[in-house]
Structure formats: C-alpha cells, structure tokens
Amino acid sequence: MAQKTKGSRNKTRKKLEKHARSKDTVSKHLKEFDEGDNVLIQIDSAIHEGMPHPRFHGKHGTVIGSRGDSYIVEIHDREKAKEMPVYPAHLQEVDQ
C-alpha cells in the first residue's frame, strides 16, 4: 500500500469547495485595502496565486502592509502573531 501524501491541500475537500453557481468577478482581484483594515481570510480555491495555508481559512486579521500585488496580513494563531502575504482575492473586508 502506498504512503498517503501530506500536501498543503490535505483534508480540504469541503473547506475549499466552490459552489457551481458562484461567479467570479474581476473586481475580486482588484480590491484594495489600507493599513489597519480588518479582513477575513476566505480562500478562493480557483485562484492559486497568493493562497494562504488552509488552516487560516476563516480567520480574522489586520492588514499591516503590502508586498507586490499581495497584502501582508497579521493574524493571531493561539498566542503567536503571524504575518503572511495574501492575494486580495482571498480577503474580505470586515466591518467593525
């Protein structure tokens, strides 16, 4: 029996699922955020560029800067603060 792979998309069949009627728009790629904006990480599985690890799907964070076309998002994973570059198609603005 072959050994099971442990890739970055392991056990994400339901988490990264897209519904058949969901439509992608160009504005999703062109969203702009300012430093200090609160965002929600919602991974779009159709866009592979700038995709964060699936463990961060559904987490809230703060935009602290930009790097190229991506934004640097700081999240708190338990007690550690982590920074990661995330493409804007995987971010949603949160009203607070």
PDB file of N, CA and C in Angstrom:
ATOM      1  N   MET A   1       0.840  -1.184   0.000  1.00  0.00           N
ATOM      2  CA  MET A   1       0.000   0.000   0.000  1.00  0.00           C
ATOM      3  C   MET A   1       0.883   1.244   0.000  1.00  0.00           C
ATOM      4  N   ALA A   2       0.538   2.194  -0.841  1.00  0.00           N
ATOM      5  CA  ALA A   2       1.344   3.417  -0.966  1.00  0.00           C
ATOM      6  C   ALA A   2       1.104   4.336   0.233  1.00  0.00           C
ATOM      7  N   GLN A   3       2.127   5.100   0.556  1.00  0.00           N
ATOM      8  CA  GLN A   3       2.019   6.035   1.669  1.00  0.00           C
ATOM      9  C   GLN A   3       1.169   7.236   1.255  1.00  0.00           C
ATOM     10  N   LYS A   4       0.311   7.685   2.163  1.00  0.00           N
ATOM     11  CA  LYS A   4      -0.564   8.816   1.883  1.00  0.00           C
ATOM     12  C   LYS A   4       0.244  10.108   1.860  1.00  0.00           C
ATOM     13  N   THR A   5      -0.039  10.975   0.883  1.00  0.00           N
ATOM     14  CA  THR A   5       0.700  12.224   0.801  1.00  0.00           C
ATOM     15  C   THR A   5       0.181  13.214   1.839  1.00  0.00           C
ATOM     16  N   LYS A   6       1.031  14.105   2.245  1.00  0.00           N
ATOM     17  CA  LYS A   6       0.676  15.124   3.240  1.00  0.00           C
ATOM     18  C   LYS A   6       0.898  16.503   2.647  1.00  0.00           C
ATOM     19  N   GLY A   7       0.284  16.777   1.500  1.00  0.00           N
ATOM     20  CA  GLY A   7       0.456  18.058   0.838  1.00  0.00           C
ATOM     21  C   GLY A   7      -0.275  19.186   1.550  1.00  0.00           C
ATOM     22  N   SER A   8      -0.129  20.394   1.037  1.00  0.00           N
ATOM     23  CA  SER A   8      -0.720  21.556   1.696  1.00  0.00           C
ATOM     24  C   SER A   8      -2.239  21.591   1.562  1.00  0.00           C
ATOM     25  N   ARG A   9      -2.803  20.815   0.644  1.00  0.00           N
ATOM     26  CA  ARG A   9      -4.253  20.780   0.498  1.00  0.00           C
ATOM     27  C   ARG A   9      -4.845  19.487   1.055  1.00  0.00           C
ATOM     28  N   ASN A  10      -4.120  18.833   1.913  1.00  0.00           N
ATOM     29  CA  ASN A  10      -4.579  17.596   2.527  1.00  0.00           C
ATOM     30  C   ASN A  10      -5.813  17.857   3.398  1.00  0.00           C
ATOM     31  N   LYS A  11      -6.865  17.047   3.249  1.00  0.00           N
ATOM     32  CA  LYS A  11      -8.103  17.112   4.031  1.00  0.00           C
ATOM     33  C   LYS A  11      -8.839  18.437   3.861  1.00  0.00           C
ATOM     34  N   THR A  12      -8.874  18.973   2.650  1.00  0.00           N
ATOM     35  CA  THR A  12      -9.560  20.245   2.438  1.00  0.00           C
ATOM     36  C   THR A  12     -10.668  20.125   1.397  1.00  0.00           C
ATOM     37  N   ARG A  13     -11.211  18.957   1.194  1.00  0.00           N
ATOM     38  CA  ARG A  13     -12.202  18.762   0.139  1.00  0.00           C
ATOM     39  C   ARG A  13     -13.436  19.630   0.358  1.00  0.00           C
ATOM     40  N   LYS A  14     -13.963  19.690   1.550  1.00  0.00           N
ATOM     41  CA  LYS A  14     -15.142  20.505   1.832  1.00  0.00           C
ATOM     42  C   LYS A  14     -14.761  21.961   2.080  1.00  0.00           C
ATOM     43  N   LYS A  15     -13.647  22.188   2.717  1.00  0.00           N
ATOM     44  CA  LYS A  15     -13.243  23.545   3.095  1.00  0.00           C
ATOM     45  C   LYS A  15     -12.993  24.424   1.875  1.00  0.00           C
ATOM     46  N   LEU A  16     -12.374  23.884   0.830  1.00  0.00           N
ATOM     47  CA  LEU A  16     -12.034  24.675  -0.353  1.00  0.00           C
ATOM     48  C   LEU A  16     -13.011  24.442  -1.508  1.00  0.00           C
ATOM     49  N   GLU A  17     -14.179  23.904  -1.220  1.00  0.00           N
ATOM     50  CA  GLU A  17     -15.170  23.618  -2.241  1.00  0.00           C
ATOM     51  C   GLU A  17     -15.822  24.912  -2.738  1.00  0.00           C
ATOM     52  N   LYS A  18     -16.059  24.987  -4.040  1.00  0.00           N
ATOM     53  CA  LYS A  18     -16.766  26.125  -4.619  1.00  0.00           C
ATOM     54  C   LYS A  18     -18.105  25.641  -5.138  1.00  0.00           C
ATOM     55  N   HIS A  19     -19.124  26.457  -4.965  1.00  0.00           N
ATOM     56  CA  HIS A  19     -20.446  26.092  -5.441  1.00  0.00           C
ATOM     57  C   HIS A  19     -20.546  26.345  -6.950  1.00  0.00           C
ATOM     58  N   ALA A  20     -21.363  25.572  -7.623  1.00  0.00           N
ATOM     59  CA  ALA A  20     -21.450  25.622  -9.078  1.00  0.00           C
ATOM     60  C   ALA A  20     -21.943  26.970  -9.587  1.00  0.00           C
ATOM     61  N   ARG A  21     -22.787  27.655  -8.831  1.00  0.00           N
ATOM     62  CA  ARG A  21     -23.367  28.903  -9.304  1.00  0.00           C
ATOM     63  C   ARG A  21     -22.594  30.135  -8.851  1.00  0.00           C
ATOM     64  N   SER A  22     -21.510  29.955  -8.146  1.00  0.00           N
ATOM     65  CA  SER A  22     -20.752  31.129  -7.708  1.00  0.00           C
ATOM     66  C   SER A  22     -19.996  31.711  -8.900  1.00  0.00           C
ATOM     67  N   LYS A  23     -20.111  33.010  -9.047  1.00  0.00           N
ATOM     68  CA  LYS A  23     -19.494  33.695 -10.175  1.00  0.00           C
ATOM     69  C   LYS A  23     -18.302  34.508  -9.687  1.00  0.00           C
ATOM     70  N   ASP A  24     -17.216  34.448 -10.414  1.00  0.00           N
ATOM     71  CA  ASP A  24     -16.054  35.259 -10.105  1.00  0.00           C
ATOM     72  C   ASP A  24     -16.139  36.552 -10.899  1.00  0.00           C
ATOM     73  N   THR A  25     -15.723  37.631 -10.284  1.00  0.00           N
ATOM     74  CA  THR A  25     -15.708  38.911 -10.965  1.00  0.00           C
ATOM     75  C   THR A  25     -14.295  39.460 -10.968  1.00  0.00           C
ATOM     76  N   VAL A  26     -14.041  40.355 -11.881  1.00  0.00           N
ATOM     77  CA  VAL A  26     -12.721  40.964 -11.978  1.00  0.00           C
ATOM     78  C   VAL A  26     -12.451  41.827 -10.757  1.00  0.00           C
ATOM     79  N   SER A  27     -13.495  42.433 -10.194  1.00  0.00           N
ATOM     80  CA  SER A  27     -13.310  43.317  -9.045  1.00  0.00           C
ATOM     81  C   SER A  27     -12.764  42.567  -7.836  1.00  0.00           C
ATOM     82  N   LYS A  28     -12.955  41.261  -7.801  1.00  0.00           N
ATOM     83  CA  LYS A  28     -12.425  40.456  -6.702  1.00  0.00           C
ATOM     84  C   LYS A  28     -10.891  40.493  -6.689  1.00  0.00           C
ATOM     85  N   HIS A  29     -10.291  40.575  -7.867  1.00  0.00           N
ATOM     86  CA  HIS A  29      -8.839  40.618  -7.981  1.00  0.00           C
ATOM     87  C   HIS A  29      -8.292  42.026  -7.779  1.00  0.00           C
ATOM     88  N   LEU A  30      -9.138  43.033  -7.960  1.00  0.00           N
ATOM     89  CA  LEU A  30      -8.688  44.417  -7.924  1.00  0.00           C
ATOM     90  C   LEU A  30      -9.008  45.119  -6.607  1.00  0.00           C
ATOM     91  N   LYS A  31      -9.473  44.388  -5.601  1.00  0.00           N
ATOM     92  CA  LYS A  31      -9.795  45.003  -4.320  1.00  0.00           C
ATOM     93  C   LYS A  31      -8.555  45.656  -3.728  1.00  0.00           C
ATOM     94  N   GLU A  32      -8.764  46.762  -3.045  1.00  0.00           N
ATOM     95  CA  GLU A  32      -7.657  47.445  -2.393  1.00  0.00           C
ATOM     96  C   GLU A  32      -7.965  47.595  -0.910  1.00  0.00           C
ATOM     97  N   PHE A  33      -6.941  47.436  -0.102  1.00  0.00           N
ATOM     98  CA  PHE A  33      -7.069  47.547   1.343  1.00  0.00           C
ATOM     99  C   PHE A  33      -6.044  48.556   1.846  1.00  0.00           C
ATOM    100  N   ASP A  34      -6.365  49.210   2.943  1.00  0.00           N
ATOM    101  CA  ASP A  34      -5.451  50.144   3.583  1.00  0.00           C
ATOM    102  C   ASP A  34      -4.855  49.479   4.817  1.00  0.00           C
ATOM    103  N   GLU A  35      -3.742  50.031   5.290  1.00  0.00           N
ATOM    104  CA  GLU A  35      -3.149  49.513   6.520  1.00  0.00           C
ATOM    105  C   GLU A  35      -4.121  49.732   7.666  1.00  0.00           C
ATOM    106  N   GLY A  36      -4.259  48.719   8.501  1.00  0.00           N
ATOM    107  CA  GLY A  36      -5.160  48.796   9.634  1.00  0.00           C
ATOM    108  C   GLY A  36      -6.541  48.244   9.365  1.00  0.00           C
ATOM    109  N   ASP A  37      -6.856  47.880   8.110  1.00  0.00           N
ATOM    110  CA  ASP A  37      -8.164  47.303   7.799  1.00  0.00           C
ATOM    111  C   ASP A  37      -8.268  45.906   8.394  1.00  0.00           C
ATOM    112  N   ASN A  38      -9.452  45.599   8.950  1.00  0.00           N
ATOM    113  CA  ASN A  38      -9.714  44.254   9.446  1.00  0.00           C
ATOM    114  C   ASN A  38     -10.256  43.426   8.294  1.00  0.00           C
ATOM    115  N   VAL A  39      -9.681  42.237   8.110  1.00  0.00           N
ATOM    116  CA  VAL A  39     -10.068  41.390   6.991  1.00  0.00           C
ATOM    117  C   VAL A  39     -10.344  39.973   7.460  1.00  0.00           C
ATOM    118  N   LEU A  40     -11.107  39.264   6.649  1.00  0.00           N
ATOM    119  CA  LEU A  40     -11.408  37.854   6.866  1.00  0.00           C
ATOM    120  C   LEU A  40     -10.756  37.083   5.739  1.00  0.00           C
ATOM    121  N   ILE A  41     -10.046  36.016   6.078  1.00  0.00           N
ATOM    122  CA  ILE A  41      -9.394  35.195   5.061  1.00  0.00           C
ATOM    123  C   ILE A  41     -10.391  34.142   4.590  1.00  0.00           C
ATOM    124  N   GLN A  42     -10.846  34.293   3.344  1.00  0.00           N
ATOM    125  CA  GLN A  42     -11.744  33.345   2.703  1.00  0.00           C
ATOM    126  C   GLN A  42     -11.048  32.865   1.442  1.00  0.00           C
ATOM    127  N   ILE A  43     -10.533  31.663   1.452  1.00  0.00           N
ATOM    128  CA  ILE A  43      -9.735  31.157   0.338  1.00  0.00           C
ATOM    129  C   ILE A  43     -10.628  30.866  -0.858  1.00  0.00           C
ATOM    130  N   ASP A  44     -10.223  31.386  -2.016  1.00  0.00           N
ATOM    131  CA  ASP A  44     -10.869  31.070  -3.295  1.00  0.00           C
ATOM    132  C   ASP A  44     -10.004  30.007  -3.965  1.00  0.00           C
ATOM    133  N   SER A  45     -10.505  28.783  -4.008  1.00  0.00           N
ATOM    134  CA  SER A  45      -9.692  27.665  -4.482  1.00  0.00           C
ATOM    135  C   SER A  45      -9.368  27.747  -5.967  1.00  0.00           C
ATOM    136  N   ALA A  46     -10.065  28.587  -6.732  1.00  0.00           N
ATOM    137  CA  ALA A  46      -9.789  28.709  -8.158  1.00  0.00           C
ATOM    138  C   ALA A  46      -8.572  29.575  -8.430  1.00  0.00           C
ATOM    139  N   ILE A  47      -8.151  30.359  -7.452  1.00  0.00           N
ATOM    140  CA  ILE A  47      -7.014  31.253  -7.618  1.00  0.00           C
ATOM    141  C   ILE A  47      -5.881  30.730  -6.749  1.00  0.00           C
ATOM    142  N   HIS A  48      -4.845  30.206  -7.389  1.00  0.00           N
ATOM    143  CA  HIS A  48      -3.755  29.573  -6.654  1.00  0.00           C
ATOM    144  C   HIS A  48      -2.706  30.569  -6.204  1.00  0.00           C
ATOM    145  N   GLU A  49      -2.658  31.721  -6.862  1.00  0.00           N
ATOM    146  CA  GLU A  49      -1.637  32.714  -6.540  1.00  0.00           C
ATOM    147  C   GLU A  49      -1.947  33.359  -5.190  1.00  0.00           C
ATOM    148  N   GLY A  50      -0.953  33.428  -4.326  1.00  0.00           N
ATOM    149  CA  GLY A  50      -1.100  34.114  -3.051  1.00  0.00           C
ATOM    150  C   GLY A  50      -2.074  33.453  -2.102  1.00  0.00           C
ATOM    151  N   MET A  51      -2.245  32.138  -2.218  1.00  0.00           N
ATOM    152  CA  MET A  51      -3.189  31.421  -1.370  1.00  0.00           C
ATOM    153  C   MET A  51      -2.535  31.089  -0.023  1.00  0.00           C
ATOM    154  N   PRO A  52      -3.151  31.474   1.085  1.00  0.00           N
ATOM    155  CA  PRO A  52      -2.594  31.102   2.391  1.00  0.00           C
ATOM    156  C   PRO A  52      -2.851  29.627   2.683  1.00  0.00           C
ATOM    157  N   HIS A  53      -2.224  29.108   3.707  1.00  0.00           N
ATOM    158  CA  HIS A  53      -2.436  27.716   4.091  1.00  0.00           C
ATOM    159  C   HIS A  53      -3.891  27.533   4.531  1.00  0.00           C
ATOM    160  N   PRO A  54      -4.520  26.418   4.185  1.00  0.00           N
ATOM    161  CA  PRO A  54      -5.928  26.210   4.519  1.00  0.00           C
ATOM    162  C   PRO A  54      -6.247  26.282   6.012  1.00  0.00           C
ATOM    163  N   ARG A  55      -5.278  26.139   6.884  1.00  0.00           N
ATOM    164  CA  ARG A  55      -5.572  26.236   8.318  1.00  0.00           C
ATOM    165  C   ARG A  55      -5.990  27.651   8.708  1.00  0.00           C
ATOM    166  N   PHE A  56      -5.678  28.644   7.863  1.00  0.00           N
ATOM    167  CA  PHE A  56      -6.029  30.021   8.173  1.00  0.00           C
ATOM    168  C   PHE A  56      -7.353  30.448   7.536  1.00  0.00           C
ATOM    169  N   HIS A  57      -8.042  29.545   6.855  1.00  0.00           N
ATOM    170  CA  HIS A  57      -9.329  29.835   6.226  1.00  0.00           C
ATOM    171  C   HIS A  57     -10.347  30.170   7.321  1.00  0.00           C
ATOM    172  N   GLY A  58     -10.989  31.342   7.207  1.00  0.00           N
ATOM    173  CA  GLY A  58     -11.983  31.751   8.192  1.00  0.00           C
ATOM    174  C   GLY A  58     -11.425  32.563   9.341  1.00  0.00           C
ATOM    175  N   LYS A  59     -10.130  32.847   9.347  1.00  0.00           N
ATOM    176  CA  LYS A  59      -9.511  33.620  10.427  1.00  0.00           C
ATOM    177  C   LYS A  59      -9.593  35.110  10.123  1.00  0.00           C
ATOM    178  N   HIS A  60      -9.665  35.899  11.174  1.00  0.00           N
ATOM    179  CA  HIS A  60      -9.662  37.355  11.056  1.00  0.00           C
ATOM    180  C   HIS A  60      -8.247  37.860  11.259  1.00  0.00           C
ATOM    181  N   GLY A  61      -7.905  38.925  10.554  1.00  0.00           N
ATOM    182  CA  GLY A  61      -6.584  39.509  10.681  1.00  0.00           C
ATOM    183  C   GLY A  61      -6.612  40.992  10.369  1.00  0.00           C
ATOM    184  N   THR A  62      -5.432  41.591  10.406  1.00  0.00           N
ATOM    185  CA  THR A  62      -5.280  43.014  10.137  1.00  0.00           C
ATOM    186  C   THR A  62      -4.246  43.205   9.051  1.00  0.00           C
ATOM    187  N   VAL A  63      -4.546  44.078   8.092  1.00  0.00           N
ATOM    188  CA  VAL A  63      -3.593  44.393   7.026  1.00  0.00           C
ATOM    189  C   VAL A  63      -2.534  45.327   7.616  1.00  0.00           C
ATOM    190  N   ILE A  64      -1.263  44.934   7.498  1.00  0.00           N
ATOM    191  CA  ILE A  64      -0.191  45.767   8.047  1.00  0.00           C
ATOM    192  C   ILE A  64       0.724  46.311   6.963  1.00  0.00           C
ATOM    193  N   GLY A  65       0.490  45.936   5.707  1.00  0.00           N
ATOM    194  CA  GLY A  65       1.317  46.451   4.627  1.00  0.00           C
ATOM    195  C   GLY A  65       1.022  45.716   3.336  1.00  0.00           C
ATOM    196  N   SER A  66       1.823  46.008   2.324  1.00  0.00           N
ATOM    197  CA  SER A  66       1.655  45.324   1.051  1.00  0.00           C
ATOM    198  C   SER A  66       3.019  44.903   0.529  1.00  0.00           C
ATOM    199  N   ARG A  67       2.998  43.877  -0.293  1.00  0.00           N
ATOM    200  CA  ARG A  67       4.216  43.364  -0.912  1.00  0.00           C
ATOM    201  C   ARG A  67       3.849  42.904  -2.314  1.00  0.00           C
ATOM    202  N   GLY A  68       4.248  43.696  -3.302  1.00  0.00           N
ATOM    203  CA  GLY A  68       3.864  43.388  -4.674  1.00  0.00           C
ATOM    204  C   GLY A  68       2.369  43.537  -4.836  1.00  0.00           C
ATOM    205  N   ASP A  69       1.702  42.516  -5.379  1.00  0.00           N
ATOM    206  CA  ASP A  69       0.253  42.547  -5.543  1.00  0.00           C
ATOM    207  C   ASP A  69      -0.477  42.033  -4.312  1.00  0.00           C
ATOM    208  N   SER A  70       0.250  41.501  -3.337  1.00  0.00           N
ATOM    209  CA  SER A  70      -0.358  40.916  -2.153  1.00  0.00           C
ATOM    210  C   SER A  70      -0.332  41.888  -0.979  1.00  0.00           C
ATOM    211  N   TYR A  71      -1.111  41.543   0.037  1.00  0.00           N
ATOM    212  CA  TYR A  71      -1.131  42.310   1.277  1.00  0.00           C
ATOM    213  C   TYR A  71      -0.574  41.457   2.400  1.00  0.00           C
ATOM    214  N   ILE A  72       0.145  42.091   3.312  1.00  0.00           N
ATOM    215  CA  ILE A  72       0.671  41.386   4.476  1.00  0.00           C
ATOM    216  C   ILE A  72      -0.408  41.437   5.550  1.00  0.00           C
ATOM    217  N   VAL A  73      -0.873  40.271   5.973  1.00  0.00           N
ATOM    218  CA  VAL A  73      -1.940  40.166   6.959  1.00  0.00           C
ATOM    219  C   VAL A  73      -1.353  39.570   8.229  1.00  0.00           C
ATOM    220  N   GLU A  74      -1.644  40.204   9.356  1.00  0.00           N
ATOM    221  CA  GLU A  74      -1.187  39.696  10.650  1.00  0.00           C
ATOM    222  C   GLU A  74      -2.375  39.048  11.346  1.00  0.00           C
ATOM    223  N   ILE A  75      -2.201  37.791  11.740  1.00  0.00           N
ATOM    224  CA  ILE A  75      -3.237  37.090  12.490  1.00  0.00           C
ATOM    225  C   ILE A  75      -2.623  36.575  13.781  1.00  0.00           C
ATOM    226  N   HIS A  76      -3.475  36.247  14.729  1.00  0.00           N
ATOM    227  CA  HIS A  76      -3.012  35.664  15.982  1.00  0.00           C
ATOM    228  C   HIS A  76      -3.408  34.200  15.985  1.00  0.00           C
ATOM    229  N   ASP A  77      -2.414  33.330  15.895  1.00  0.00           N
ATOM    230  CA  ASP A  77      -2.620  31.891  15.907  1.00  0.00           C
ATOM    231  C   ASP A  77      -2.282  31.417  17.310  1.00  0.00           C
ATOM    232  N   ARG A  78      -3.307  31.201  18.107  1.00  0.00           N
ATOM    233  CA  ARG A  78      -3.189  30.947  19.535  1.00  0.00           C
ATOM    234  C   ARG A  78      -2.516  32.144  20.185  1.00  0.00           C
ATOM    235  N   GLU A  79      -1.298  32.047  20.618  1.00  0.00           N
ATOM    236  CA  GLU A  79      -0.656  33.180  21.290  1.00  0.00           C
ATOM    237  C   GLU A  79       0.406  33.846  20.432  1.00  0.00           C
ATOM    238  N   LYS A  80       0.646  33.323  19.245  1.00  0.00           N
ATOM    239  CA  LYS A  80       1.675  33.898  18.373  1.00  0.00           C
ATOM    240  C   LYS A  80       1.037  34.810  17.332  1.00  0.00           C
ATOM    241  N   ALA A  81       1.717  35.901  17.039  1.00  0.00           N
ATOM    242  CA  ALA A  81       1.301  36.769  15.940  1.00  0.00           C
ATOM    243  C   ALA A  81       2.052  36.309  14.694  1.00  0.00           C
ATOM    244  N   LYS A  82       1.310  36.061  13.624  1.00  0.00           N
ATOM    245  CA  LYS A  82       1.919  35.583  12.383  1.00  0.00           C
ATOM    246  C   LYS A  82       1.593  36.548  11.259  1.00  0.00           C
ATOM    247  N   GLU A  83       2.564  36.747  10.370  1.00  0.00           N
ATOM    248  CA  GLU A  83       2.395  37.598   9.211  1.00  0.00           C
ATOM    249  C   GLU A  83       2.493  36.739   7.960  1.00  0.00           C
ATOM    250  N   MET A  84       1.571  36.976   7.017  1.00  0.00           N
ATOM    251  CA  MET A  84       1.611  36.200   5.786  1.00  0.00           C
ATOM    252  C   MET A  84       1.153  37.050   4.619  1.00  0.00           C
ATOM    253  N   PRO A  85       1.774  36.871   3.455  1.00  0.00           N
ATOM    254  CA  PRO A  85       1.299  37.575   2.270  1.00  0.00           C
ATOM    255  C   PRO A  85       0.085  36.845   1.691  1.00  0.00           C
ATOM    256  N   VAL A  86      -0.983  37.613   1.428  1.00  0.00           N
ATOM    257  CA  VAL A  86      -2.222  37.031   0.915  1.00  0.00           C
ATOM    258  C   VAL A  86      -2.699  37.862  -0.261  1.00  0.00           C
ATOM    259  N   TYR A  87      -3.044  37.199  -1.338  1.00  0.00           N
ATOM    260  CA  TYR A  87      -3.561  37.861  -2.530  1.00  0.00           C
ATOM    261  C   TYR A  87      -4.955  38.412  -2.225  1.00  0.00           C
ATOM    262  N   PRO A  88      -5.334  39.579  -2.766  1.00  0.00           N
ATOM    263  CA  PRO A  88      -6.605  40.199  -2.400  1.00  0.00           C
ATOM    264  C   PRO A  88      -7.843  39.375  -2.723  1.00  0.00           C
ATOM    265  N   ALA A  89      -7.764  38.420  -3.642  1.00  0.00           N
ATOM    266  CA  ALA A  89      -8.922  37.594  -3.963  1.00  0.00           C
ATOM    267  C   ALA A  89      -9.305  36.686  -2.801  1.00  0.00           C
ATOM    268  N   HIS A  90      -8.398  36.484  -1.844  1.00  0.00           N
ATOM    269  CA  HIS A  90      -8.660  35.610  -0.702  1.00  0.00           C
ATOM    270  C   HIS A  90      -9.055  36.401   0.546  1.00  0.00           C
ATOM    271  N   LEU A  91      -9.272  37.711   0.408  1.00  0.00           N
ATOM    272  CA  LEU A  91      -9.583  38.562   1.549  1.00  0.00           C
ATOM    273  C   LEU A  91     -10.961  39.190   1.384  1.00  0.00           C
ATOM    274  N   GLN A  92     -11.648  39.364   2.520  1.00  0.00           N
ATOM    275  CA  GLN A  92     -12.903  40.101   2.559  1.00  0.00           C
ATOM    276  C   GLN A  92     -12.806  41.133   3.672  1.00  0.00           C
ATOM    277  N   GLU A  93     -13.310  42.340   3.414  1.00  0.00           N
ATOM    278  CA  GLU A  93     -13.269  43.368   4.430  1.00  0.00           C
ATOM    279  C   GLU A  93     -14.336  43.100   5.488  1.00  0.00           C
ATOM    280  N   VAL A  94     -13.968  43.320   6.748  1.00  0.00           N
ATOM    281  CA  VAL A  94     -14.878  43.091   7.863  1.00  0.00           C
ATOM    282  C   VAL A  94     -15.238  44.440   8.461  1.00  0.00           C
ATOM    283  N   ASP A  95     -16.526  44.683   8.665  1.00  0.00           N
ATOM    284  CA  ASP A  95     -16.971  45.929   9.286  1.00  0.00           C
ATOM    285  C   ASP A  95     -16.943  45.783  10.800  1.00  0.00           C
ATOM    286  N   GLN A  96     -16.274  46.708  11.466  1.00  0.00           N
ATOM    287  CA  GLN A  96     -16.253  46.690  12.940  1.00  0.00           C
ATOM    288  C   GLN A  96     -16.393  48.062  13.486  1.00  0.00           C
TER     289      GLN A  96
END
